C-alpha atoms as a PDB file:
ATOM      1  CA  MET A   1      57.687  28.905  62.193  1.00  0.00           C
ATOM      2  CA  VAL A   2      59.451  29.129  65.443  1.00  0.00           C
ATOM      3  CA  SER A   3      60.527  32.753  64.570  1.00  0.00           C
ATOM      4  CA  ARG A   4      56.841  33.741  64.348  1.00  0.00           C
ATOM      5  CA  VAL A   5      56.439  32.937  68.052  1.00  0.00           C
ATOM      6  CA  ALA A   6      59.912  34.019  69.052  1.00  0.00           C
ATOM      7  CA  GLY A   7      60.726  37.692  69.429  1.00  0.00           C
ATOM      8  CA  GLY A   8      58.774  37.973  72.701  1.00  0.00           C
ATOM      9  CA  VAL A   9      55.473  36.538  71.772  1.00  0.00           C
ATOM     10  CA  ALA A  10      56.397  33.154  73.212  1.00  0.00           C
ATOM     11  CA  GLY A  11      56.972  34.881  76.575  1.00  0.00           C
ATOM     12  CA  ALA A  12      53.712  36.534  76.315  1.00  0.00           C
ATOM     13  CA  LEU A  13      51.949  33.375  75.541  1.00  0.00           C
ATOM     14  CA  MET A  14      53.553  31.616  78.350  1.00  0.00           C
ATOM     15  CA  ALA A  15      52.442  34.507  80.812  1.00  0.00           C
ATOM     16  CA  LEU A  16      49.091  34.297  79.277  1.00  0.00           C
ATOM     17  CA  LEU A  17      48.804  30.614  79.769  1.00  0.00           C
ATOM     18  CA  ALA A  18      49.779  31.068  83.367  1.00  0.00           C
ATOM     19  CA  ALA A  19      47.566  33.929  84.038  1.00  0.00           C
ATOM     20  CA  THR A  20      44.480  33.118  82.035  1.00  0.00           C
ATOM     21  CA  GLY A  21      41.715  30.599  81.866  1.00  0.00           C
ATOM     22  CA  VAL A  22      38.050  31.510  82.305  1.00  0.00           C
ATOM     23  CA  ALA A  23      38.301  32.479  85.876  1.00  0.00           C
ATOM     24  CA  ALA A  24      41.578  34.251  85.531  1.00  0.00           C
ATOM     25  CA  GLN A  25      40.257  36.205  82.463  1.00  0.00           C
ATOM     26  CA  GLU A  26      37.410  37.524  84.568  1.00  0.00           C
ATOM     27  CA  GLU A  27      39.793  38.450  87.509  1.00  0.00           C
ATOM     28  CA  SER A  28      43.032  39.450  85.656  1.00  0.00           C
ATOM     29  CA  ASP A  29      44.088  43.055  86.074  1.00  0.00           C
ATOM     30  CA  ASN A  30      45.172  43.305  82.503  1.00  0.00           C
ATOM     31  CA  GLN A  31      41.707  42.311  80.972  1.00  0.00           C
ATOM     32  CA  VAL A  32      40.404  45.441  79.380  1.00  0.00           C
ATOM     33  CA  ALA A  33      37.197  44.271  77.776  1.00  0.00           C
ATOM     34  CA  ALA A  34      34.789  41.341  77.432  1.00  0.00           C
ATOM     35  CA  LYS A  35      32.827  40.864  74.115  1.00  0.00           C
ATOM     36  CA  THR A  36      30.418  38.016  74.536  1.00  0.00           C
ATOM     37  CA  ASP A  37      32.452  34.812  74.332  1.00  0.00           C
ATOM     38  CA  TRP A  38      35.803  36.695  73.880  1.00  0.00           C
ATOM     39  CA  SER A  39      38.000  38.711  76.251  1.00  0.00           C
ATOM     40  CA  VAL A  40      40.480  41.364  75.456  1.00  0.00           C
ATOM     41  CA  PHE A  41      43.849  41.763  77.429  1.00  0.00           C
ATOM     42  CA  GLU A  42      46.438  44.509  77.272  1.00  0.00           C
ATOM     43  CA  ASP A  43      50.044  44.664  78.641  1.00  0.00           C
ATOM     44  CA  ALA A  44      52.206  47.794  78.662  1.00  0.00           C
ATOM     45  CA  ASP A  45      55.823  46.504  78.759  1.00  0.00           C
ATOM     46  CA  PRO A  46      56.264  45.512  76.039  1.00  0.00           C
ATOM     47  CA  LYS A  47      53.053  46.801  74.530  1.00  0.00           C
ATOM     48  CA  GLU A  48      50.834  43.889  73.491  1.00  0.00           C
ATOM     49  CA  CYS A  49      47.114  43.274  73.135  1.00  0.00           C
ATOM     50  CA  TRP A  50      45.199  40.082  72.518  1.00  0.00           C
ATOM     51  CA  ALA A  51      41.773  38.720  72.091  1.00  0.00           C
ATOM     52  CA  VAL A  52      41.194  35.286  73.603  1.00  0.00           C
ATOM     53  CA  SER A  53      38.460  32.587  74.207  1.00  0.00           C
ATOM     54  CA  SER A  54      38.142  29.143  75.849  1.00  0.00           C
ATOM     55  CA  PRO A  55      36.237  26.456  74.021  1.00  0.00           C
ATOM     56  CA  LYS A  56      32.590  25.801  74.548  1.00  0.00           C
ATOM     57  CA  LYS A  57      32.935  22.174  73.873  1.00  0.00           C
ATOM     58  CA  THR A  58      35.845  19.718  73.956  1.00  0.00           C
ATOM     59  CA  VAL A  59      35.959  16.005  72.887  1.00  0.00           C
ATOM     60  CA  ASN A  60      38.942  13.787  73.438  1.00  0.00           C
ATOM     61  CA  THR A  61      39.162  10.386  71.688  1.00  0.00           C
ATOM     62  CA  ARG A  62      41.607   7.570  71.465  1.00  0.00           C
ATOM     63  CA  ASP A  63      41.135   4.559  69.196  1.00  0.00           C
ATOM     64  CA  GLY A  64      37.620   5.977  68.189  1.00  0.00           C
ATOM     65  CA  ARG A  65      36.397   6.057  71.783  1.00  0.00           C
ATOM     66  CA  VAL A  66      35.764   9.142  73.921  1.00  0.00           C
ATOM     67  CA  VAL A  67      38.333   9.285  76.686  1.00  0.00           C
ATOM     68  CA  SER A  68      38.926  11.463  79.794  1.00  0.00           C
ATOM     69  CA  VAL A  69      42.235  13.273  79.761  1.00  0.00           C
ATOM     70  CA  ARG A  70      43.946  16.040  81.792  1.00  0.00           C
ATOM     71  CA  ARG A  71      44.724  19.080  79.781  1.00  0.00           C
ATOM     72  CA  GLY A  72      46.082  22.431  80.610  1.00  0.00           C
ATOM     73  CA  GLU A  73      44.455  25.710  79.387  1.00  0.00           C
ATOM     74  CA  ILE A  74      42.839  25.482  76.063  1.00  0.00           C
ATOM     75  CA  LEU A  75      42.939  28.880  74.417  1.00  0.00           C
ATOM     76  CA  LEU A  76      42.411  30.449  70.950  1.00  0.00           C
ATOM     77  CA  MET A  77      43.981  33.908  70.531  1.00  0.00           C
ATOM     78  CA  VAL A  78      44.904  36.710  68.251  1.00  0.00           C
ATOM     79  CA  PHE A  79      47.894  38.823  69.131  1.00  0.00           C
ATOM     80  CA  TYR A  80      49.109  42.413  68.392  1.00  0.00           C
ATOM     81  CA  ARG A  81      52.601  43.460  69.444  1.00  0.00           C
ATOM     82  CA  PRO A  82      53.719  46.619  67.529  1.00  0.00           C
ATOM     83  CA  ALA A  83      57.317  46.539  68.609  1.00  0.00           C
ATOM     84  CA  ALA A  84      57.718  43.073  67.070  1.00  0.00           C
ATOM     85  CA  ASP A  85      55.671  43.811  64.002  1.00  0.00           C
ATOM     86  CA  VAL A  86      52.969  41.207  65.113  1.00  0.00           C
ATOM     87  CA  ASP A  87      49.722  42.468  63.763  1.00  0.00           C
ATOM     88  CA  GLY A  88      46.935  39.852  64.133  1.00  0.00           C
ATOM     89  CA  GLN A  89      48.671  36.593  64.828  1.00  0.00           C
ATOM     90  CA  ILE A  90      46.414  33.552  65.403  1.00  0.00           C
ATOM     91  CA  THR A  91      47.699  31.291  68.097  1.00  0.00           C
ATOM     92  CA  PHE A  92      46.224  28.203  69.716  1.00  0.00           C
ATOM     93  CA  THR A  93      47.334  26.156  72.811  1.00  0.00           C
ATOM     94  CA  GLY A  94      45.557  22.779  73.245  1.00  0.00           C
ATOM     95  CA  GLY A  95      46.809  22.256  76.791  1.00  0.00           C
ATOM     96  CA  TYR A  96      49.129  19.407  75.976  1.00  0.00           C
ATOM     97  CA  PRO A  97      52.301  18.810  73.718  1.00  0.00           C
ATOM     98  CA  PHE A  98      51.134  18.162  70.154  1.00  0.00           C
ATOM     99  CA  ALA A  99      52.477  15.129  68.369  1.00  0.00           C
ATOM    100  CA  ASN A 100      55.839  15.859  66.647  1.00  0.00           C
ATOM    101  CA  GLY A 101      55.506  16.966  63.045  1.00  0.00           C
ATOM    102  CA  SER A 102      51.588  17.170  63.240  1.00  0.00           C
ATOM    103  CA  THR A 103      49.470  20.067  62.180  1.00  0.00           C
ATOM    104  CA  VAL A 104      46.213  21.344  63.826  1.00  0.00           C
ATOM    105  CA  THR A 105      43.186  21.814  61.598  1.00  0.00           C
ATOM    106  CA  LEU A 106      41.175  24.886  62.196  1.00  0.00           C
ATOM    107  CA  ASP A 107      37.725  24.660  60.646  1.00  0.00           C
ATOM    108  CA  VAL A 108      35.800  27.920  60.492  1.00  0.00           C
ATOM    109  CA  ASP A 109      32.343  27.070  59.356  1.00  0.00           C
ATOM    110  CA  GLY A 110      33.433  24.520  56.716  1.00  0.00           C
ATOM    111  CA  ALA A 111      36.612  26.379  55.598  1.00  0.00           C
ATOM    112  CA  ASP A 112      39.776  24.384  56.758  1.00  0.00           C
ATOM    113  CA  PHE A 113      43.165  25.816  57.515  1.00  0.00           C
ATOM    114  CA  ASP A 114      46.361  24.236  58.832  1.00  0.00           C
ATOM    115  CA  LEU A 115      48.322  25.436  61.888  1.00  0.00           C
ATOM    116  CA  PHE A 116      51.911  24.341  62.379  1.00  0.00           C
ATOM    117  CA  THR A 117      52.815  22.942  65.858  1.00  0.00           C
ATOM    118  CA  GLU A 118      55.669  23.236  68.311  1.00  0.00           C
ATOM    119  CA  GLY A 119      55.347  21.867  71.769  1.00  0.00           C
ATOM    120  CA  GLU A 120      51.916  23.119  73.048  1.00  0.00           C
ATOM    121  CA  TRP A 121      51.535  25.931  70.516  1.00  0.00           C
ATOM    122  CA  ALA A 122      50.113  26.085  67.080  1.00  0.00           C
ATOM    123  CA  TRP A 123      49.934  29.003  64.589  1.00  0.00           C
ATOM    124  CA  PRO A 124      49.606  29.646  60.749  1.00  0.00           C
ATOM    125  CA  ALA A 125      52.701  29.563  58.474  1.00  0.00           C
ATOM    126  CA  THR A 126      52.442  33.345  57.376  1.00  0.00           C
ATOM    127  CA  PRO A 127      50.936  36.628  58.259  1.00  0.00           C
ATOM    128  CA  ASP A 128      48.863  36.314  54.964  1.00  0.00           C
ATOM    129  CA  ASP A 129      47.401  33.022  56.503  1.00  0.00           C
ATOM    130  CA  ASP A 130      46.661  34.854  59.678  1.00  0.00           C
ATOM    131  CA  ALA A 131      44.658  37.464  57.689  1.00  0.00           C
ATOM    132  CA  GLU A 132      42.670  34.826  55.787  1.00  0.00           C
ATOM    133  CA  ILE A 133      41.796  32.957  58.964  1.00  0.00           C
ATOM    134  CA  ILE A 134      40.790  36.238  60.658  1.00  0.00           C
ATOM    135  CA  ALA A 135      38.612  37.121  57.851  1.00  0.00           C
ATOM    136  CA  ALA A 136      36.906  33.697  58.022  1.00  0.00           C
ATOM    137  CA  MET A 137      36.452  33.992  61.731  1.00  0.00           C
ATOM    138  CA  LYS A 138      34.951  37.531  61.495  1.00  0.00           C
ATOM    139  CA  ALA A 139      32.263  35.995  59.056  1.00  0.00           C
ATOM    140  CA  GLY A 140      31.948  32.796  61.006  1.00  0.00           C
ATOM    141  CA  THR A 141      29.871  31.434  63.909  1.00  0.00           C
ATOM    142  CA  LYS A 142      32.254  28.658  65.211  1.00  0.00           C
ATOM    143  CA  ALA A 143      35.822  27.551  64.999  1.00  0.00           C
ATOM    144  CA  THR A 144      36.756  23.876  65.727  1.00  0.00           C
ATOM    145  CA  LEU A 145      40.368  22.923  66.202  1.00  0.00           C
ATOM    146  CA  THR A 146      41.365  19.265  65.699  1.00  0.00           C
ATOM    147  CA  ALA A 147      44.775  18.080  66.877  1.00  0.00           C
ATOM    148  CA  ARG A 148      46.724  15.019  68.157  1.00  0.00           C
ATOM    149  CA  SER A 149      48.769  14.695  71.167  1.00  0.00           C
ATOM    150  CA  THR A 150      52.093  12.930  71.600  1.00  0.00           C
ATOM    151  CA  ARG A 151      50.047  10.180  73.356  1.00  0.00           C
ATOM    152  CA  GLY A 152      47.884   9.660  70.269  1.00  0.00           C
ATOM    153  CA  THR A 153      44.845  11.375  71.656  1.00  0.00           C
ATOM    154  CA  LYS A 154      42.693  13.194  69.187  1.00  0.00           C
ATOM    155  CA  THR A 155      41.149  16.367  70.370  1.00  0.00           C
ATOM    156  CA  GLU A 156      38.339  18.533  69.017  1.00  0.00           C
ATOM    157  CA  ASP A 157      37.883  21.969  70.664  1.00  0.00           C
ATOM    158  CA  GLU A 158      34.858  24.106  69.568  1.00  0.00           C
ATOM    159  CA  PHE A 159      35.057  27.851  70.075  1.00  0.00           C
ATOM    160  CA  SER A 160      32.169  30.312  69.566  1.00  0.00           C
ATOM    161  CA  LEU A 161      32.950  33.245  67.368  1.00  0.00           C
ATOM    162  CA  LEU A 162      30.204  35.370  69.127  1.00  0.00           C
ATOM    163  CA  GLY A 163      31.977  38.699  70.054  1.00  0.00           C
ATOM    164  CA  PHE A 164      35.129  37.795  68.041  1.00  0.00           C
ATOM    165  CA  THR A 165      35.051  40.818  65.792  1.00  0.00           C
ATOM    166  CA  ALA A 166      34.394  43.244  68.507  1.00  0.00           C
ATOM    167  CA  ALA A 167      37.238  41.798  70.648  1.00  0.00           C
ATOM    168  CA  LEU A 168      39.564  41.764  67.720  1.00  0.00           C
ATOM    169  CA  GLU A 169      38.815  45.315  66.928  1.00  0.00           C
ATOM    170  CA  GLU A 170      39.322  46.341  70.628  1.00  0.00           C
ATOM    171  CA  ALA A 171      42.733  44.634  70.806  1.00  0.00           C
ATOM    172  CA  GLU A 172      43.827  46.067  67.605  1.00  0.00           C
ATOM    173  CA  LYS A 173      42.747  49.497  68.528  1.00  0.00           C
ATOM    174  CA  ARG A 174      44.650  49.351  71.840  1.00  0.00           C
ATOM    175  CA  CYS A 175      47.845  48.350  70.135  1.00  0.00           C
ATOM    176  CA  LYS A 176      47.834  50.731  67.137  1.00  0.00           C
END
């Protein structure tokens, strides 16, 4: 699983985490398109493109009660990086370290998928899983990611899928 993020994508994710967020996405010089609730970014060296969105709704609970917690950037992304043979990789960061050995559940309009975690990152196990999730997201209206932090906080982050297909197609086109 680590190997899917290794090979440079982890560096891109770290740079993205440092440079994005709603305000940064609107101001970044490498944003190339905005498609409703999704943005498209492109970098030249190495060549990589990604569609990204921030959640519309976030709920954090501990012991069944809603709690206020500090989190970093919360982003759902799809990456393309031709030199590393990354062709539509789903990646999620919840803005905190996930519980060791945990998975993140991605619910796309009732269809559930598991994402494996390491540190603050989560992604599907295989490229085939990526393709299945992308197909569901293209047909869906919202994606909800449920995860657990190392401190035991349960998080639910809801993302709109309005503009997802257009953003994905733009990112893919730019990196083909």
